[in-house]
N, C-alpha and C. Protein backbone atom coordinates (compact mmCIF):
# COMPACT_ATOMS: atom_id res chain seq x y z
N UNK A 1 18.43 -5.14 -12.09
CA UNK A 1 17.57 -6.29 -11.81
C UNK A 1 16.89 -6.14 -10.45
N UNK A 2 17.69 -5.74 -9.45
CA UNK A 2 17.19 -5.56 -8.09
C UNK A 2 16.07 -4.51 -8.06
N UNK A 3 16.29 -3.38 -8.75
CA UNK A 3 15.29 -2.32 -8.81
C UNK A 3 14.03 -2.80 -9.54
N UNK A 4 14.22 -3.62 -10.55
CA UNK A 4 13.09 -4.16 -11.30
C UNK A 4 12.22 -5.05 -10.42
N UNK A 5 12.84 -5.84 -9.57
CA UNK A 5 12.10 -6.70 -8.64
C UNK A 5 11.32 -5.86 -7.65
N UNK A 6 11.93 -4.78 -7.15
CA UNK A 6 11.23 -3.88 -6.22
C UNK A 6 10.03 -3.22 -6.89
N UNK A 7 10.20 -2.79 -8.14
CA UNK A 7 9.07 -2.19 -8.87
C UNK A 7 7.95 -3.23 -9.04
N UNK A 8 8.31 -4.46 -9.31
CA UNK A 8 7.31 -5.52 -9.43
C UNK A 8 6.59 -5.78 -8.12
N UNK A 9 7.34 -5.75 -7.02
CA UNK A 9 6.72 -5.94 -5.70
C UNK A 9 5.76 -4.81 -5.39
N UNK A 10 6.17 -3.58 -5.71
CA UNK A 10 5.28 -2.43 -5.49
C UNK A 10 4.01 -2.57 -6.34
N UNK A 11 4.19 -3.00 -7.58
CA UNK A 11 3.05 -3.18 -8.48
C UNK A 11 2.08 -4.22 -7.93
N UNK A 12 2.60 -5.35 -7.47
CA UNK A 12 1.73 -6.40 -6.93
C UNK A 12 1.01 -5.94 -5.66
N UNK A 13 1.72 -5.23 -4.80
CA UNK A 13 1.11 -4.73 -3.57
C UNK A 13 -0.01 -3.75 -3.88
N UNK A 14 0.25 -2.83 -4.79
CA UNK A 14 -0.78 -1.87 -5.17
C UNK A 14 -1.91 -2.51 -5.97
N UNK A 15 -1.60 -3.53 -6.74
CA UNK A 15 -2.65 -4.24 -7.49
C UNK A 15 -3.63 -4.92 -6.52
N UNK A 16 -3.10 -5.56 -5.49
CA UNK A 16 -3.99 -6.19 -4.52
C UNK A 16 -4.83 -5.13 -3.81
N UNK A 17 -4.20 -4.01 -3.48
CA UNK A 17 -4.93 -2.91 -2.87
C UNK A 17 -6.01 -2.37 -3.81
N UNK A 18 -5.66 -2.18 -5.07
CA UNK A 18 -6.62 -1.67 -6.05
C UNK A 18 -7.81 -2.61 -6.22
N UNK A 19 -7.53 -3.88 -6.40
CA UNK A 19 -8.62 -4.82 -6.64
C UNK A 19 -9.54 -4.96 -5.43
N UNK A 20 -8.95 -4.95 -4.24
CA UNK A 20 -9.80 -5.06 -3.05
C UNK A 20 -10.59 -3.79 -2.78
N UNK A 21 -9.95 -2.64 -2.86
CA UNK A 21 -10.64 -1.42 -2.45
C UNK A 21 -11.43 -0.76 -3.57
N UNK A 22 -11.00 -0.88 -4.80
CA UNK A 22 -11.70 -0.23 -5.91
C UNK A 22 -12.67 -1.16 -6.62
N UNK A 23 -12.20 -2.35 -6.96
CA UNK A 23 -13.02 -3.30 -7.71
C UNK A 23 -14.00 -4.02 -6.79
N UNK A 24 -13.56 -4.38 -5.59
CA UNK A 24 -14.41 -5.14 -4.68
C UNK A 24 -14.41 -4.56 -3.26
N UNK A 25 -14.92 -3.34 -3.11
CA UNK A 25 -14.90 -2.71 -1.78
C UNK A 25 -15.71 -3.50 -0.75
N UNK A 26 -16.71 -4.22 -1.21
CA UNK A 26 -17.51 -5.04 -0.29
C UNK A 26 -16.64 -6.11 0.36
N UNK A 27 -15.79 -6.75 -0.44
CA UNK A 27 -14.88 -7.77 0.10
C UNK A 27 -13.89 -7.14 1.06
N UNK A 28 -13.35 -5.99 0.69
CA UNK A 28 -12.41 -5.29 1.56
C UNK A 28 -13.06 -4.96 2.91
N UNK A 29 -14.25 -4.42 2.88
CA UNK A 29 -14.94 -4.05 4.12
C UNK A 29 -15.21 -5.29 4.98
N UNK A 30 -15.61 -6.37 4.33
CA UNK A 30 -15.88 -7.60 5.06
C UNK A 30 -14.62 -8.15 5.73
N UNK A 31 -13.48 -7.99 5.06
CA UNK A 31 -12.21 -8.51 5.58
C UNK A 31 -11.62 -7.67 6.69
N UNK A 32 -11.83 -6.37 6.68
CA UNK A 32 -11.17 -5.55 7.70
C UNK A 32 -12.05 -5.20 8.89
N UNK A 33 -13.35 -5.11 8.71
CA UNK A 33 -14.23 -4.77 9.83
C UNK A 33 -14.62 -6.04 10.57
N UNK A 34 -13.68 -6.56 11.34
CA UNK A 34 -13.90 -7.82 12.05
C UNK A 34 -14.37 -7.61 13.49
N UNK A 35 -14.14 -6.43 14.05
CA UNK A 35 -14.58 -6.18 15.43
C UNK A 35 -16.06 -5.82 15.48
N UNK A 36 -16.48 -5.03 14.53
CA UNK A 36 -17.91 -4.69 14.40
C UNK A 36 -18.15 -4.03 13.05
N UNK A 37 -19.36 -4.12 12.59
CA UNK A 37 -19.75 -3.53 11.32
C UNK A 37 -19.78 -2.00 11.45
N UNK A 38 -19.41 -1.30 10.39
CA UNK A 38 -19.50 0.16 10.43
C UNK A 38 -20.95 0.61 10.49
N UNK A 39 -21.18 1.77 11.10
CA UNK A 39 -22.54 2.30 11.21
C UNK A 39 -23.11 2.64 9.83
N UNK A 40 -22.28 3.19 8.97
CA UNK A 40 -22.71 3.56 7.63
C UNK A 40 -21.88 2.80 6.60
N UNK A 41 -22.32 1.62 6.27
CA UNK A 41 -21.58 0.76 5.34
C UNK A 41 -21.46 1.40 3.95
N UNK A 42 -22.48 2.11 3.53
CA UNK A 42 -22.42 2.73 2.21
C UNK A 42 -21.31 3.78 2.16
N UNK A 43 -21.10 4.50 3.24
CA UNK A 43 -20.03 5.49 3.31
C UNK A 43 -18.67 4.84 3.24
N UNK A 44 -18.52 3.70 3.91
CA UNK A 44 -17.26 2.95 3.89
C UNK A 44 -16.97 2.45 2.48
N UNK A 45 -17.97 1.90 1.83
CA UNK A 45 -17.79 1.38 0.47
C UNK A 45 -17.44 2.51 -0.49
N UNK A 46 -18.06 3.65 -0.31
CA UNK A 46 -17.77 4.82 -1.13
C UNK A 46 -16.34 5.28 -0.92
N UNK A 47 -15.92 5.41 0.33
CA UNK A 47 -14.57 5.90 0.63
C UNK A 47 -13.49 4.87 0.25
N UNK A 48 -13.80 3.60 0.32
CA UNK A 48 -12.82 2.56 -0.01
C UNK A 48 -12.34 2.69 -1.45
N UNK A 49 -13.23 3.09 -2.34
CA UNK A 49 -12.83 3.21 -3.74
C UNK A 49 -11.76 4.28 -3.94
N UNK A 50 -11.74 5.30 -3.09
CA UNK A 50 -10.72 6.33 -3.20
C UNK A 50 -9.33 5.79 -2.87
N UNK A 51 -9.27 4.83 -1.97
CA UNK A 51 -7.99 4.22 -1.63
C UNK A 51 -7.41 3.55 -2.87
N UNK A 52 -8.22 2.77 -3.55
CA UNK A 52 -7.77 2.11 -4.77
C UNK A 52 -7.49 3.10 -5.89
N UNK A 53 -8.31 4.12 -5.98
CA UNK A 53 -8.13 5.15 -7.01
C UNK A 53 -6.78 5.85 -6.85
N UNK A 54 -6.43 6.18 -5.62
CA UNK A 54 -5.17 6.89 -5.39
C UNK A 54 -3.95 5.99 -5.57
N UNK A 55 -4.11 4.70 -5.38
CA UNK A 55 -2.99 3.78 -5.58
C UNK A 55 -2.81 3.35 -7.03
N UNK A 56 -3.81 3.60 -7.86
CA UNK A 56 -3.77 3.15 -9.25
C UNK A 56 -2.57 3.69 -10.03
N UNK A 57 -2.26 4.99 -9.98
CA UNK A 57 -1.10 5.47 -10.74
C UNK A 57 0.21 4.83 -10.30
N UNK A 58 0.39 4.62 -9.00
CA UNK A 58 1.62 3.99 -8.51
C UNK A 58 1.69 2.54 -9.00
N UNK A 59 0.55 1.86 -9.04
CA UNK A 59 0.51 0.50 -9.55
C UNK A 59 0.93 0.47 -11.02
N UNK A 60 0.40 1.37 -11.80
CA UNK A 60 0.69 1.39 -13.24
C UNK A 60 2.15 1.72 -13.51
N UNK A 61 2.66 2.77 -12.88
CA UNK A 61 4.05 3.15 -13.15
C UNK A 61 5.00 2.08 -12.63
N UNK A 62 4.68 1.47 -11.52
CA UNK A 62 5.51 0.38 -11.00
C UNK A 62 5.51 -0.79 -11.98
N UNK A 63 4.35 -1.10 -12.52
CA UNK A 63 4.25 -2.18 -13.50
C UNK A 63 5.04 -1.88 -14.76
N UNK A 64 4.95 -0.65 -15.23
CA UNK A 64 5.70 -0.26 -16.43
C UNK A 64 7.19 -0.43 -16.20
N UNK A 65 7.68 0.07 -15.05
CA UNK A 65 9.11 -0.05 -14.77
C UNK A 65 9.52 -1.50 -14.56
N UNK A 66 8.68 -2.29 -13.92
CA UNK A 66 9.00 -3.69 -13.69
C UNK A 66 9.11 -4.46 -15.01
N UNK A 67 8.20 -4.19 -15.92
CA UNK A 67 8.21 -4.89 -17.21
C UNK A 67 9.35 -4.40 -18.10
N UNK A 68 9.57 -3.09 -18.12
CA UNK A 68 10.60 -2.54 -19.01
C UNK A 68 12.01 -2.82 -18.51
N UNK A 69 12.15 -2.95 -17.19
CA UNK A 69 13.48 -3.15 -16.62
C UNK A 69 14.29 -1.88 -16.51
N UNK A 70 13.71 -0.77 -16.94
CA UNK A 70 14.39 0.53 -16.90
C UNK A 70 13.82 1.34 -15.72
N UNK A 71 14.35 1.09 -14.53
CA UNK A 71 13.85 1.73 -13.32
C UNK A 71 14.75 2.91 -12.96
N UNK A 72 14.24 4.14 -13.06
CA UNK A 72 15.08 5.29 -12.75
C UNK A 72 15.29 5.47 -11.24
N UNK A 73 16.37 6.13 -10.90
CA UNK A 73 16.69 6.39 -9.49
C UNK A 73 15.58 7.20 -8.82
N UNK A 74 14.95 8.09 -9.57
CA UNK A 74 13.87 8.92 -9.00
C UNK A 74 12.68 8.07 -8.57
N UNK A 75 12.41 7.02 -9.32
CA UNK A 75 11.33 6.11 -8.92
C UNK A 75 11.69 5.45 -7.59
N UNK A 76 12.92 5.02 -7.45
CA UNK A 76 13.33 4.37 -6.20
C UNK A 76 13.27 5.33 -5.03
N UNK A 77 13.64 6.58 -5.25
CA UNK A 77 13.54 7.58 -4.20
C UNK A 77 12.08 7.79 -3.80
N UNK A 78 11.20 7.86 -4.78
CA UNK A 78 9.77 7.98 -4.48
C UNK A 78 9.28 6.75 -3.71
N UNK A 79 9.78 5.59 -4.04
CA UNK A 79 9.43 4.36 -3.34
C UNK A 79 9.89 4.40 -1.88
N UNK A 80 11.09 4.92 -1.66
CA UNK A 80 11.61 5.07 -0.29
C UNK A 80 10.66 5.94 0.52
N UNK A 81 10.33 7.10 -0.03
CA UNK A 81 9.51 8.08 0.69
C UNK A 81 8.10 7.56 0.92
N UNK A 82 7.46 7.06 -0.12
CA UNK A 82 6.08 6.57 0.01
C UNK A 82 6.00 5.40 0.97
N UNK A 83 6.88 4.43 0.80
CA UNK A 83 6.84 3.23 1.64
C UNK A 83 7.14 3.56 3.10
N UNK A 84 8.10 4.44 3.34
CA UNK A 84 8.41 4.84 4.72
C UNK A 84 7.22 5.56 5.34
N UNK A 85 6.59 6.44 4.56
CA UNK A 85 5.41 7.14 5.08
C UNK A 85 4.31 6.14 5.45
N UNK A 86 4.03 5.20 4.56
CA UNK A 86 3.00 4.20 4.84
C UNK A 86 3.33 3.39 6.08
N UNK A 87 4.58 2.96 6.20
CA UNK A 87 4.98 2.15 7.35
C UNK A 87 4.80 2.91 8.66
N UNK A 88 5.30 4.13 8.70
CA UNK A 88 5.18 4.93 9.93
C UNK A 88 3.75 5.34 10.20
N UNK A 89 2.99 5.68 9.17
CA UNK A 89 1.59 6.07 9.36
C UNK A 89 0.78 4.92 9.92
N UNK A 90 0.99 3.73 9.38
CA UNK A 90 0.26 2.56 9.88
C UNK A 90 0.64 2.28 11.33
N UNK A 91 1.94 2.26 11.60
CA UNK A 91 2.42 1.90 12.93
C UNK A 91 2.10 2.94 13.99
N UNK A 92 2.19 4.21 13.65
CA UNK A 92 2.07 5.26 14.66
C UNK A 92 0.71 5.95 14.74
N UNK A 93 -0.06 5.91 13.66
CA UNK A 93 -1.36 6.58 13.68
C UNK A 93 -2.53 5.61 13.52
N UNK A 94 -2.49 4.84 12.45
CA UNK A 94 -3.64 4.01 12.11
C UNK A 94 -3.95 2.97 13.20
N UNK A 95 -2.91 2.34 13.72
CA UNK A 95 -3.15 1.32 14.75
C UNK A 95 -3.74 1.89 16.04
N UNK A 96 -3.59 3.19 16.24
CA UNK A 96 -4.15 3.82 17.45
C UNK A 96 -5.64 4.13 17.32
N UNK A 97 -6.14 4.20 16.10
CA UNK A 97 -7.54 4.58 15.90
C UNK A 97 -8.39 3.50 15.24
N UNK A 98 -7.76 2.45 14.73
CA UNK A 98 -8.51 1.47 13.94
C UNK A 98 -9.56 0.72 14.76
N UNK A 99 -9.23 0.34 15.98
CA UNK A 99 -10.19 -0.45 16.77
C UNK A 99 -11.45 0.33 17.10
N UNK A 100 -11.32 1.64 17.28
CA UNK A 100 -12.50 2.47 17.52
C UNK A 100 -13.43 2.49 16.32
N UNK A 101 -12.88 2.16 15.14
CA UNK A 101 -13.68 2.11 13.92
C UNK A 101 -14.21 0.71 13.62
N UNK A 102 -13.81 -0.27 14.42
CA UNK A 102 -14.26 -1.65 14.21
C UNK A 102 -13.26 -2.51 13.46
N UNK A 103 -12.04 -2.00 13.28
CA UNK A 103 -11.00 -2.72 12.54
C UNK A 103 -9.94 -3.20 13.53
N UNK A 104 -9.69 -4.48 13.54
CA UNK A 104 -8.69 -5.05 14.44
C UNK A 104 -7.29 -4.60 14.07
N UNK A 105 -6.47 -4.33 15.09
CA UNK A 105 -5.07 -3.95 14.84
C UNK A 105 -4.35 -5.02 14.02
N UNK A 106 -4.69 -6.28 14.25
CA UNK A 106 -4.02 -7.36 13.52
C UNK A 106 -4.31 -7.30 12.02
N UNK A 107 -5.42 -6.69 11.64
CA UNK A 107 -5.74 -6.52 10.22
C UNK A 107 -4.98 -5.36 9.59
N UNK A 108 -4.39 -4.52 10.42
CA UNK A 108 -3.74 -3.31 9.94
C UNK A 108 -2.22 -3.38 10.06
N UNK A 109 -1.74 -3.84 11.19
CA UNK A 109 -0.32 -3.74 11.52
C UNK A 109 0.58 -4.52 10.57
N UNK A 110 0.09 -5.55 9.94
CA UNK A 110 0.92 -6.35 9.03
C UNK A 110 1.48 -5.52 7.88
N UNK A 111 0.79 -4.45 7.52
CA UNK A 111 1.28 -3.60 6.44
C UNK A 111 2.53 -2.82 6.79
N UNK A 112 2.70 -2.48 8.05
CA UNK A 112 3.85 -1.65 8.46
C UNK A 112 5.19 -2.31 8.13
N UNK A 113 5.44 -3.56 8.54
CA UNK A 113 6.74 -4.14 8.19
C UNK A 113 6.91 -4.39 6.70
N UNK A 114 5.84 -4.67 5.99
CA UNK A 114 5.95 -4.87 4.54
C UNK A 114 6.44 -3.58 3.89
N UNK A 115 5.79 -2.47 4.23
CA UNK A 115 6.21 -1.19 3.68
C UNK A 115 7.57 -0.77 4.20
N UNK A 116 7.89 -1.10 5.44
CA UNK A 116 9.20 -0.79 5.99
C UNK A 116 10.31 -1.49 5.23
N UNK A 117 10.11 -2.75 4.93
CA UNK A 117 11.10 -3.51 4.17
C UNK A 117 11.22 -2.95 2.75
N UNK A 118 10.10 -2.65 2.12
CA UNK A 118 10.15 -2.07 0.77
C UNK A 118 10.90 -0.74 0.78
N UNK A 119 10.69 0.06 1.81
CA UNK A 119 11.38 1.34 1.91
C UNK A 119 12.89 1.13 2.05
N UNK A 120 13.28 0.24 2.95
CA UNK A 120 14.71 -0.02 3.17
C UNK A 120 15.38 -0.58 1.92
N UNK A 121 14.73 -1.53 1.26
CA UNK A 121 15.31 -2.11 0.05
C UNK A 121 15.39 -1.09 -1.09
N UNK A 122 14.37 -0.23 -1.16
CA UNK A 122 14.39 0.82 -2.17
C UNK A 122 15.52 1.80 -1.90
N UNK A 123 15.77 2.09 -0.63
CA UNK A 123 16.88 2.98 -0.28
C UNK A 123 18.22 2.38 -0.68
N UNK A 124 18.38 1.10 -0.42
CA UNK A 124 19.63 0.42 -0.82
C UNK A 124 19.80 0.50 -2.33
N UNK A 125 18.76 0.19 -3.06
CA UNK A 125 18.84 0.23 -4.53
C UNK A 125 19.09 1.66 -5.03
N UNK A 126 18.44 2.63 -4.42
CA UNK A 126 18.64 4.03 -4.80
C UNK A 126 20.10 4.45 -4.58
N UNK A 127 20.64 4.10 -3.44
CA UNK A 127 22.02 4.48 -3.13
C UNK A 127 23.02 3.81 -4.07
N UNK A 128 22.69 2.62 -4.52
CA UNK A 128 23.56 1.93 -5.49
C UNK A 128 23.54 2.62 -6.84
N UNK A 129 22.41 3.25 -7.17
CA UNK A 129 22.28 3.90 -8.49
C UNK A 129 22.85 5.31 -8.49
N UNK A 130 22.90 5.96 -7.34
CA UNK A 130 23.34 7.35 -7.34
C UNK A 130 24.78 7.53 -6.89
């Protein structure tokens, strides 16, 4: 049950990412570029769709596992690794360069603890299964 809830949380997080960056990149750009507009908005809108595109498979597989209730240990391990990477990347790299691109740190940093918590909870669930 615990693993199923984590898969559902991953699915919802990736779904919001997919819909903002792939389906509505204009909305995503408007929401994150609060310090200044990008010089080439068309390039930003083009690149934003790749963010959603790359998150789509994780969203789908997370949704399948959440609905089926059959969450394998390997999925949880992948969740630990992916979520930890996202948390550290946001905290240690992205926040150092985002303001130079016109994106406020406050629009970025909130993702780090969310992914950090998902990573830790996934690790707990993984260790319980193995």
